[in-house]
């Protein structure tokens, strides 16, 4: 499996002992956590925090957009892997 994201997420969920319901919810929880992180960074940038502003200027919102799009696009495959017996 190597770097297969679905396999890695399944291993992570197993390591935490997540049950079926929690596994089914995990991809959306990751999407929600990503949105919260993005909002946090954007608030820091808006306040003029130099470190966050410098990092944000290097990568910009496009990195967040790509990450969130990837998560949404792969949600069905991630969920299927998490629920596979």
PDB file of N, CA and C in Angstrom:
ATOM      1  N   UNK A   1       0.796  -1.218   0.000  1.00  0.00           N
ATOM      2  CA  UNK A   1       0.000   0.000   0.000  1.00  0.00           C
ATOM      3  C   UNK A   1       0.832   1.273   0.000  1.00  0.00           C
ATOM      4  N   UNK A   2       2.035   1.260   0.580  1.00  0.00           N
ATOM      5  CA  UNK A   2       2.900   2.432   0.549  1.00  0.00           C
ATOM      6  C   UNK A   2       2.228   3.701   1.011  1.00  0.00           C
ATOM      7  N   UNK A   3       2.172   4.682   0.130  1.00  0.00           N
ATOM      8  CA  UNK A   3       1.631   5.992   0.476  1.00  0.00           C
ATOM      9  C   UNK A   3       0.159   6.141   0.121  1.00  0.00           C
ATOM     10  N   UNK A   4      -0.540   5.050  -0.081  1.00  0.00           N
ATOM     11  CA  UNK A   4      -1.961   5.081  -0.407  1.00  0.00           C
ATOM     12  C   UNK A   4      -2.729   5.783   0.719  1.00  0.00           C
ATOM     13  N   UNK A   5      -3.318   6.948   0.443  1.00  0.00           N
ATOM     14  CA  UNK A   5      -3.988   7.713   1.503  1.00  0.00           C
ATOM     15  C   UNK A   5      -5.129   6.952   2.175  1.00  0.00           C
ATOM     16  N   UNK A   6      -5.904   6.205   1.398  1.00  0.00           N
ATOM     17  CA  UNK A   6      -7.026   5.473   1.989  1.00  0.00           C
ATOM     18  C   UNK A   6      -6.518   4.408   2.964  1.00  0.00           C
ATOM     19  N   UNK A   7      -5.472   3.713   2.571  1.00  0.00           N
ATOM     20  CA  UNK A   7      -4.888   2.692   3.455  1.00  0.00           C
ATOM     21  C   UNK A   7      -4.324   3.339   4.723  1.00  0.00           C
ATOM     22  N   UNK A   8      -3.632   4.429   4.550  1.00  0.00           N
ATOM     23  CA  UNK A   8      -3.031   5.107   5.702  1.00  0.00           C
ATOM     24  C   UNK A   8      -4.095   5.602   6.671  1.00  0.00           C
ATOM     25  N   UNK A   9      -5.202   6.122   6.123  1.00  0.00           N
ATOM     26  CA  UNK A   9      -6.282   6.596   6.981  1.00  0.00           C
ATOM     27  C   UNK A   9      -6.916   5.421   7.732  1.00  0.00           C
ATOM     28  N   UNK A  10      -7.036   4.295   7.050  1.00  0.00           N
ATOM     29  CA  UNK A  10      -7.580   3.086   7.689  1.00  0.00           C
ATOM     30  C   UNK A  10      -6.669   2.639   8.843  1.00  0.00           C
ATOM     31  N   UNK A  11      -5.367   2.678   8.631  1.00  0.00           N
ATOM     32  CA  UNK A  11      -4.417   2.317   9.692  1.00  0.00           C
ATOM     33  C   UNK A  11      -4.547   3.290  10.866  1.00  0.00           C
ATOM     34  N   UNK A  12      -4.652   4.573  10.578  1.00  0.00           N
ATOM     35  CA  UNK A  12      -4.814   5.581  11.624  1.00  0.00           C
ATOM     36  C   UNK A  12      -6.078   5.314  12.436  1.00  0.00           C
ATOM     37  N   UNK A  13      -7.190   5.089  11.738  1.00  0.00           N
ATOM     38  CA  UNK A  13      -8.460   4.825  12.423  1.00  0.00           C
ATOM     39  C   UNK A  13      -8.363   3.566  13.279  1.00  0.00           C
ATOM     40  N   UNK A  14      -7.705   2.549  12.752  1.00  0.00           N
ATOM     41  CA  UNK A  14      -7.521   1.322  13.517  1.00  0.00           C
ATOM     42  C   UNK A  14      -6.664   1.538  14.745  1.00  0.00           C
ATOM     43  N   UNK A  15      -5.628   2.339  14.592  1.00  0.00           N
ATOM     44  CA  UNK A  15      -4.744   2.636  15.712  1.00  0.00           C
ATOM     45  C   UNK A  15      -5.457   3.338  16.855  1.00  0.00           C
ATOM     46  N   UNK A  16      -6.459   4.138  16.513  1.00  0.00           N
ATOM     47  CA  UNK A  16      -7.249   4.820  17.530  1.00  0.00           C
ATOM     48  C   UNK A  16      -8.444   3.993  17.980  1.00  0.00           C
ATOM     49  N   UNK A  17      -8.617   2.820  17.399  1.00  0.00           N
ATOM     50  CA  UNK A  17      -9.712   1.953  17.806  1.00  0.00           C
ATOM     51  C   UNK A  17     -11.086   2.483  17.447  1.00  0.00           C
ATOM     52  N   UNK A  18     -11.180   3.228  16.349  1.00  0.00           N
ATOM     53  CA  UNK A  18     -12.470   3.802  15.967  1.00  0.00           C
ATOM     54  C   UNK A  18     -13.446   2.718  15.532  1.00  0.00           C
ATOM     55  N   UNK A  19     -14.676   2.846  15.990  1.00  0.00           N
ATOM     56  CA  UNK A  19     -15.741   1.950  15.569  1.00  0.00           C
ATOM     57  C   UNK A  19     -16.283   2.362  14.212  1.00  0.00           C
ATOM     58  N   UNK A  20     -17.225   1.592  13.719  1.00  0.00           N
ATOM     59  CA  UNK A  20     -17.768   1.802  12.379  1.00  0.00           C
ATOM     60  C   UNK A  20     -18.362   3.211  12.201  1.00  0.00           C
ATOM     61  N   UNK A  21     -19.138   3.674  13.150  1.00  0.00           N
ATOM     62  CA  UNK A  21     -19.763   4.999  13.030  1.00  0.00           C
ATOM     63  C   UNK A  21     -18.711   6.107  12.992  1.00  0.00           C
ATOM     64  N   UNK A  22     -17.710   5.992  13.851  1.00  0.00           N
ATOM     65  CA  UNK A  22     -16.649   7.004  13.866  1.00  0.00           C
ATOM     66  C   UNK A  22     -15.823   6.956  12.585  1.00  0.00           C
ATOM     67  N   UNK A  23     -15.592   5.757  12.074  1.00  0.00           N
ATOM     68  CA  UNK A  23     -14.865   5.623  10.806  1.00  0.00           C
ATOM     69  C   UNK A  23     -15.655   6.274   9.668  1.00  0.00           C
ATOM     70  N   UNK A  24     -16.962   6.061   9.662  1.00  0.00           N
ATOM     71  CA  UNK A  24     -17.797   6.646   8.612  1.00  0.00           C
ATOM     72  C   UNK A  24     -17.765   8.171   8.666  1.00  0.00           C
ATOM     73  N   UNK A  25     -17.656   8.718   9.861  1.00  0.00           N
ATOM     74  CA  UNK A  25     -17.654  10.172  10.037  1.00  0.00           C
ATOM     75  C   UNK A  25     -16.288  10.805   9.805  1.00  0.00           C
ATOM     76  N   UNK A  26     -15.226  10.021   9.883  1.00  0.00           N
ATOM     77  CA  UNK A  26     -13.865  10.567   9.880  1.00  0.00           C
ATOM     78  C   UNK A  26     -13.529  11.450   8.672  1.00  0.00           C
ATOM     79  N   UNK A  27     -13.840  11.068   7.441  1.00  0.00           N
ATOM     80  CA  UNK A  27     -13.488  11.956   6.324  1.00  0.00           C
ATOM     81  C   UNK A  27     -14.109  13.354   6.438  1.00  0.00           C
ATOM     82  N   UNK A  28     -15.356  13.430   6.852  1.00  0.00           N
ATOM     83  CA  UNK A  28     -15.982  14.753   7.021  1.00  0.00           C
ATOM     84  C   UNK A  28     -15.372  15.509   8.207  1.00  0.00           C
ATOM     85  N   UNK A  29     -15.007  14.800   9.243  1.00  0.00           N
ATOM     86  CA  UNK A  29     -14.357  15.442  10.389  1.00  0.00           C
ATOM     87  C   UNK A  29     -13.027  16.053   9.953  1.00  0.00           C
ATOM     88  N   UNK A  30     -12.291  15.348   9.126  1.00  0.00           N
ATOM     89  CA  UNK A  30     -11.028  15.879   8.609  1.00  0.00           C
ATOM     90  C   UNK A  30     -11.288  17.123   7.764  1.00  0.00           C
ATOM     91  N   UNK A  31     -12.341  17.091   6.958  1.00  0.00           N
ATOM     92  CA  UNK A  31     -12.697  18.273   6.163  1.00  0.00           C
ATOM     93  C   UNK A  31     -13.051  19.445   7.073  1.00  0.00           C
ATOM     94  N   UNK A  32     -13.809  19.177   8.131  1.00  0.00           N
ATOM     95  CA  UNK A  32     -14.177  20.238   9.071  1.00  0.00           C
ATOM     96  C   UNK A  32     -12.942  20.793   9.777  1.00  0.00           C
ATOM     97  N   UNK A  33     -12.046  19.918  10.189  1.00  0.00           N
ATOM     98  CA  UNK A  33     -10.826  20.360  10.865  1.00  0.00           C
ATOM     99  C   UNK A  33      -9.968  21.212   9.936  1.00  0.00           C
ATOM    100  N   UNK A  34      -9.925  20.840   8.673  1.00  0.00           N
ATOM    101  CA  UNK A  34      -9.170  21.617   7.691  1.00  0.00           C
ATOM    102  C   UNK A  34      -9.767  23.009   7.538  1.00  0.00           C
ATOM    103  N   UNK A  35     -11.084  23.094   7.494  1.00  0.00           N
ATOM    104  CA  UNK A  35     -11.751  24.397   7.383  1.00  0.00           C
ATOM    105  C   UNK A  35     -11.481  25.255   8.616  1.00  0.00           C
ATOM    106  N   UNK A  36     -11.480  24.643   9.789  1.00  0.00           N
ATOM    107  CA  UNK A  36     -11.190  25.374  11.025  1.00  0.00           C
ATOM    108  C   UNK A  36      -9.750  25.884  11.011  1.00  0.00           C
ATOM    109  N   UNK A  37      -8.819  25.045  10.588  1.00  0.00           N
ATOM    110  CA  UNK A  37      -7.408  25.460  10.502  1.00  0.00           C
ATOM    111  C   UNK A  37      -7.239  26.614   9.527  1.00  0.00           C
ATOM    112  N   UNK A  38      -7.902  26.506   8.388  1.00  0.00           N
ATOM    113  CA  UNK A  38      -7.815  27.570   7.388  1.00  0.00           C
ATOM    114  C   UNK A  38      -8.341  28.882   7.965  1.00  0.00           C
ATOM    115  N   UNK A  39      -9.483  28.836   8.630  1.00  0.00           N
ATOM    116  CA  UNK A  39     -10.060  30.046   9.216  1.00  0.00           C
ATOM    117  C   UNK A  39      -9.125  30.642  10.264  1.00  0.00           C
ATOM    118  N   UNK A  40      -8.484  29.791  11.059  1.00  0.00           N
ATOM    119  CA  UNK A  40      -7.534  30.255  12.063  1.00  0.00           C
ATOM    120  C   UNK A  40      -6.382  31.005  11.405  1.00  0.00           C
ATOM    121  N   UNK A  41      -5.801  30.405  10.373  1.00  0.00           N
ATOM    122  CA  UNK A  41      -4.683  31.035   9.665  1.00  0.00           C
ATOM    123  C   UNK A  41      -5.126  32.360   9.059  1.00  0.00           C
ATOM    124  N   UNK A  42      -6.288  32.374   8.425  1.00  0.00           N
ATOM    125  CA  UNK A  42      -6.768  33.602   7.787  1.00  0.00           C
ATOM    126  C   UNK A  42      -7.047  34.698   8.813  1.00  0.00           C
ATOM    127  N   UNK A  43      -7.513  34.326  10.008  1.00  0.00           N
ATOM    128  CA  UNK A  43      -7.703  35.334  11.065  1.00  0.00           C
ATOM    129  C   UNK A  43      -6.363  35.909  11.507  1.00  0.00           C
ATOM    130  N   UNK A  44      -5.363  35.050  11.636  1.00  0.00           N
ATOM    131  CA  UNK A  44      -4.037  35.529  12.034  1.00  0.00           C
ATOM    132  C   UNK A  44      -3.459  36.467  10.976  1.00  0.00           C
ATOM    133  N   UNK A  45      -3.658  36.132   9.718  1.00  0.00           N
ATOM    134  CA  UNK A  45      -3.189  36.990   8.623  1.00  0.00           C
ATOM    135  C   UNK A  45      -3.918  38.331   8.682  1.00  0.00           C
ATOM    136  N   UNK A  46      -5.225  38.292   8.884  1.00  0.00           N
ATOM    137  CA  UNK A  46      -6.022  39.524   8.945  1.00  0.00           C
ATOM    138  C   UNK A  46      -5.581  40.422  10.097  1.00  0.00           C
ATOM    139  N   UNK A  47      -5.085  39.821  11.174  1.00  0.00           N
ATOM    140  CA  UNK A  47      -4.606  40.593  12.329  1.00  0.00           C
ATOM    141  C   UNK A  47      -3.183  41.107  12.136  1.00  0.00           C
ATOM    142  N   UNK A  48      -2.560  40.690  11.050  1.00  0.00           N
ATOM    143  CA  UNK A  48      -1.214  41.168  10.763  1.00  0.00           C
ATOM    144  C   UNK A  48      -0.097  40.365  11.398  1.00  0.00           C
ATOM    145  N   UNK A  49      -0.376  39.156  11.836  1.00  0.00           N
ATOM    146  CA  UNK A  49       0.660  38.301  12.417  1.00  0.00           C
ATOM    147  C   UNK A  49       1.717  38.029  11.349  1.00  0.00           C
ATOM    148  N   UNK A  50       2.932  38.482  11.599  1.00  0.00           N
ATOM    149  CA  UNK A  50       3.991  38.437  10.586  1.00  0.00           C
ATOM    150  C   UNK A  50       4.315  37.016  10.125  1.00  0.00           C
ATOM    151  N   UNK A  51       4.418  36.086  11.051  1.00  0.00           N
ATOM    152  CA  UNK A  51       4.779  34.710  10.679  1.00  0.00           C
ATOM    153  C   UNK A  51       3.694  34.073   9.816  1.00  0.00           C
ATOM    154  N   UNK A  52       2.446  34.238  10.217  1.00  0.00           N
ATOM    155  CA  UNK A  52       1.348  33.656   9.440  1.00  0.00           C
ATOM    156  C   UNK A  52       1.204  34.358   8.095  1.00  0.00           C
ATOM    157  N   UNK A  53       1.398  35.668   8.086  1.00  0.00           N
ATOM    158  CA  UNK A  53       1.291  36.416   6.835  1.00  0.00           C
ATOM    159  C   UNK A  53       2.367  35.980   5.853  1.00  0.00           C
ATOM    160  N   UNK A  54       3.591  35.824   6.325  1.00  0.00           N
ATOM    161  CA  UNK A  54       4.681  35.396   5.441  1.00  0.00           C
ATOM    162  C   UNK A  54       4.403  34.015   4.865  1.00  0.00           C
ATOM    163  N   UNK A  55       3.970  33.093   5.709  1.00  0.00           N
ATOM    164  CA  UNK A  55       3.671  31.739   5.230  1.00  0.00           C
ATOM    165  C   UNK A  55       2.505  31.757   4.256  1.00  0.00           C
ATOM    166  N   UNK A  56       1.490  32.538   4.564  1.00  0.00           N
ATOM    167  CA  UNK A  56       0.300  32.607   3.710  1.00  0.00           C
ATOM    168  C   UNK A  56       0.637  33.233   2.364  1.00  0.00           C
ATOM    169  N   UNK A  57       1.522  34.225   2.377  1.00  0.00           N
ATOM    170  CA  UNK A  57       1.919  34.861   1.118  1.00  0.00           C
ATOM    171  C   UNK A  57       2.708  33.901   0.236  1.00  0.00           C
ATOM    172  N   UNK A  58       3.451  32.975   0.831  1.00  0.00           N
ATOM    173  CA  UNK A  58       4.194  31.986   0.048  1.00  0.00           C
ATOM    174  C   UNK A  58       3.263  30.980  -0.619  1.00  0.00           C
ATOM    175  N   UNK A  59       2.246  30.558   0.088  1.00  0.00           N
ATOM    176  CA  UNK A  59       1.375  29.506  -0.455  1.00  0.00           C
ATOM    177  C   UNK A  59       0.014  30.024  -0.882  1.00  0.00           C
ATOM    178  N   UNK A  60      -0.513  30.994  -0.165  1.00  0.00           N
ATOM    179  CA  UNK A  60      -1.798  31.583  -0.510  1.00  0.00           C
ATOM    180  C   UNK A  60      -2.976  30.654  -0.297  1.00  0.00           C
ATOM    181  N   UNK A  61      -4.148  31.163  -0.620  1.00  0.00           N
ATOM    182  CA  UNK A  61      -5.361  30.371  -0.427  1.00  0.00           C
ATOM    183  C   UNK A  61      -5.465  29.184  -1.376  1.00  0.00           C
ATOM    184  N   UNK A  62      -4.706  29.190  -2.450  1.00  0.00           N
ATOM    185  CA  UNK A  62      -4.788  28.094  -3.425  1.00  0.00           C
ATOM    186  C   UNK A  62      -4.413  26.753  -2.797  1.00  0.00           C
ATOM    187  N   UNK A  63      -3.476  26.757  -1.871  1.00  0.00           N
ATOM    188  CA  UNK A  63      -3.085  25.510  -1.203  1.00  0.00           C
ATOM    189  C   UNK A  63      -4.261  24.960  -0.403  1.00  0.00           C
ATOM    190  N   UNK A  64      -4.933  25.839   0.323  1.00  0.00           N
ATOM    191  CA  UNK A  64      -6.108  25.412   1.092  1.00  0.00           C
ATOM    192  C   UNK A  64      -7.203  24.922   0.149  1.00  0.00           C
ATOM    193  N   UNK A  65      -7.407  25.657  -0.938  1.00  0.00           N
ATOM    194  CA  UNK A  65      -8.436  25.256  -1.912  1.00  0.00           C
ATOM    195  C   UNK A  65      -8.161  23.857  -2.446  1.00  0.00           C
ATOM    196  N   UNK A  66      -6.919  23.606  -2.840  1.00  0.00           N
ATOM    197  CA  UNK A  66      -6.562  22.285  -3.382  1.00  0.00           C
ATOM    198  C   UNK A  66      -6.740  21.185  -2.341  1.00  0.00           C
ATOM    199  N   UNK A  67      -6.324  21.474  -1.127  1.00  0.00           N
ATOM    200  CA  UNK A  67      -6.440  20.486  -0.056  1.00  0.00           C
ATOM    201  C   UNK A  67      -7.912  20.151   0.200  1.00  0.00           C
ATOM    202  N   UNK A  68      -8.738  21.188   0.328  1.00  0.00           N
ATOM    203  CA  UNK A  68     -10.153  20.962   0.596  1.00  0.00           C
ATOM    204  C   UNK A  68     -10.836  20.271  -0.582  1.00  0.00           C
ATOM    205  N   UNK A  69     -10.461  20.626  -1.789  1.00  0.00           N
ATOM    206  CA  UNK A  69     -11.032  19.976  -2.969  1.00  0.00           C
ATOM    207  C   UNK A  69     -10.638  18.499  -3.010  1.00  0.00           C
ATOM    208  N   UNK A  70      -9.375  18.200  -2.709  1.00  0.00           N
ATOM    209  CA  UNK A  70      -8.919  16.812  -2.714  1.00  0.00           C
ATOM    210  C   UNK A  70      -9.701  15.998  -1.687  1.00  0.00           C
ATOM    211  N   UNK A  71      -9.857  16.537  -0.489  1.00  0.00           N
ATOM    212  CA  UNK A  71     -10.595  15.826   0.551  1.00  0.00           C
ATOM    213  C   UNK A  71     -12.026  15.538   0.113  1.00  0.00           C
ATOM    214  N   UNK A  72     -12.691  16.536  -0.450  1.00  0.00           N
ATOM    215  CA  UNK A  72     -14.075  16.347  -0.896  1.00  0.00           C
ATOM    216  C   UNK A  72     -14.154  15.341  -2.037  1.00  0.00           C
ATOM    217  N   UNK A  73     -13.239  15.447  -2.987  1.00  0.00           N
ATOM    218  CA  UNK A  73     -13.242  14.532  -4.139  1.00  0.00           C
ATOM    219  C   UNK A  73     -12.980  13.086  -3.729  1.00  0.00           C
ATOM    220  N   UNK A  74     -12.165  12.891  -2.714  1.00  0.00           N
ATOM    221  CA  UNK A  74     -11.769  11.545  -2.301  1.00  0.00           C
ATOM    222  C   UNK A  74     -12.576  11.006  -1.121  1.00  0.00           C
ATOM    223  N   UNK A  75     -13.530  11.784  -0.635  1.00  0.00           N
ATOM    224  CA  UNK A  75     -14.332  11.342   0.504  1.00  0.00           C
ATOM    225  C   UNK A  75     -14.956   9.964   0.282  1.00  0.00           C
ATOM    226  N   UNK A  76     -15.585   9.699  -0.886  1.00  0.00           N
ATOM    227  CA  UNK A  76     -16.189   8.365  -1.068  1.00  0.00           C
ATOM    228  C   UNK A  76     -15.168   7.228  -0.969  1.00  0.00           C
ATOM    229  N   UNK A  77     -14.009   7.395  -1.576  1.00  0.00           N
ATOM    230  CA  UNK A  77     -12.990   6.339  -1.531  1.00  0.00           C
ATOM    231  C   UNK A  77     -12.431   6.175  -0.122  1.00  0.00           C
ATOM    232  N   UNK A  78     -12.230   7.279   0.571  1.00  0.00           N
ATOM    233  CA  UNK A  78     -11.720   7.203   1.941  1.00  0.00           C
ATOM    234  C   UNK A  78     -12.734   6.515   2.852  1.00  0.00           C
ATOM    235  N   UNK A  79     -14.000   6.891   2.700  1.00  0.00           N
ATOM    236  CA  UNK A  79     -15.053   6.281   3.511  1.00  0.00           C
ATOM    237  C   UNK A  79     -15.159   4.790   3.223  1.00  0.00           C
ATOM    238  N   UNK A  80     -15.117   4.434   1.944  1.00  0.00           N
ATOM    239  CA  UNK A  80     -15.196   3.012   1.572  1.00  0.00           C
ATOM    240  C   UNK A  80     -14.044   2.223   2.188  1.00  0.00           C
ATOM    241  N   UNK A  81     -12.850   2.783   2.143  1.00  0.00           N
ATOM    242  CA  UNK A  81     -11.694   2.093   2.724  1.00  0.00           C
ATOM    243  C   UNK A  81     -11.840   1.949   4.236  1.00  0.00           C
ATOM    244  N   UNK A  82     -12.355   2.982   4.867  1.00  0.00           N
ATOM    245  CA  UNK A  82     -12.525   2.934   6.316  1.00  0.00           C
ATOM    246  C   UNK A  82     -13.570   1.914   6.751  1.00  0.00           C
ATOM    247  N   UNK A  83     -14.546   1.668   5.893  1.00  0.00           N
ATOM    248  CA  UNK A  83     -15.640   0.760   6.248  1.00  0.00           C
ATOM    249  C   UNK A  83     -15.461  -0.650   5.704  1.00  0.00           C
ATOM    250  N   UNK A  84     -14.424  -0.861   4.907  1.00  0.00           N
ATOM    251  CA  UNK A  84     -14.189  -2.191   4.333  1.00  0.00           C
ATOM    252  C   UNK A  84     -13.844  -3.182   5.441  1.00  0.00           C
ATOM    253  N   UNK A  85     -14.339  -4.385   5.284  1.00  0.00           N
ATOM    254  CA  UNK A  85     -14.050  -5.433   6.289  1.00  0.00           C
ATOM    255  C   UNK A  85     -12.733  -6.101   6.040  1.00  0.00           C
TER     256      UNK A  85
END
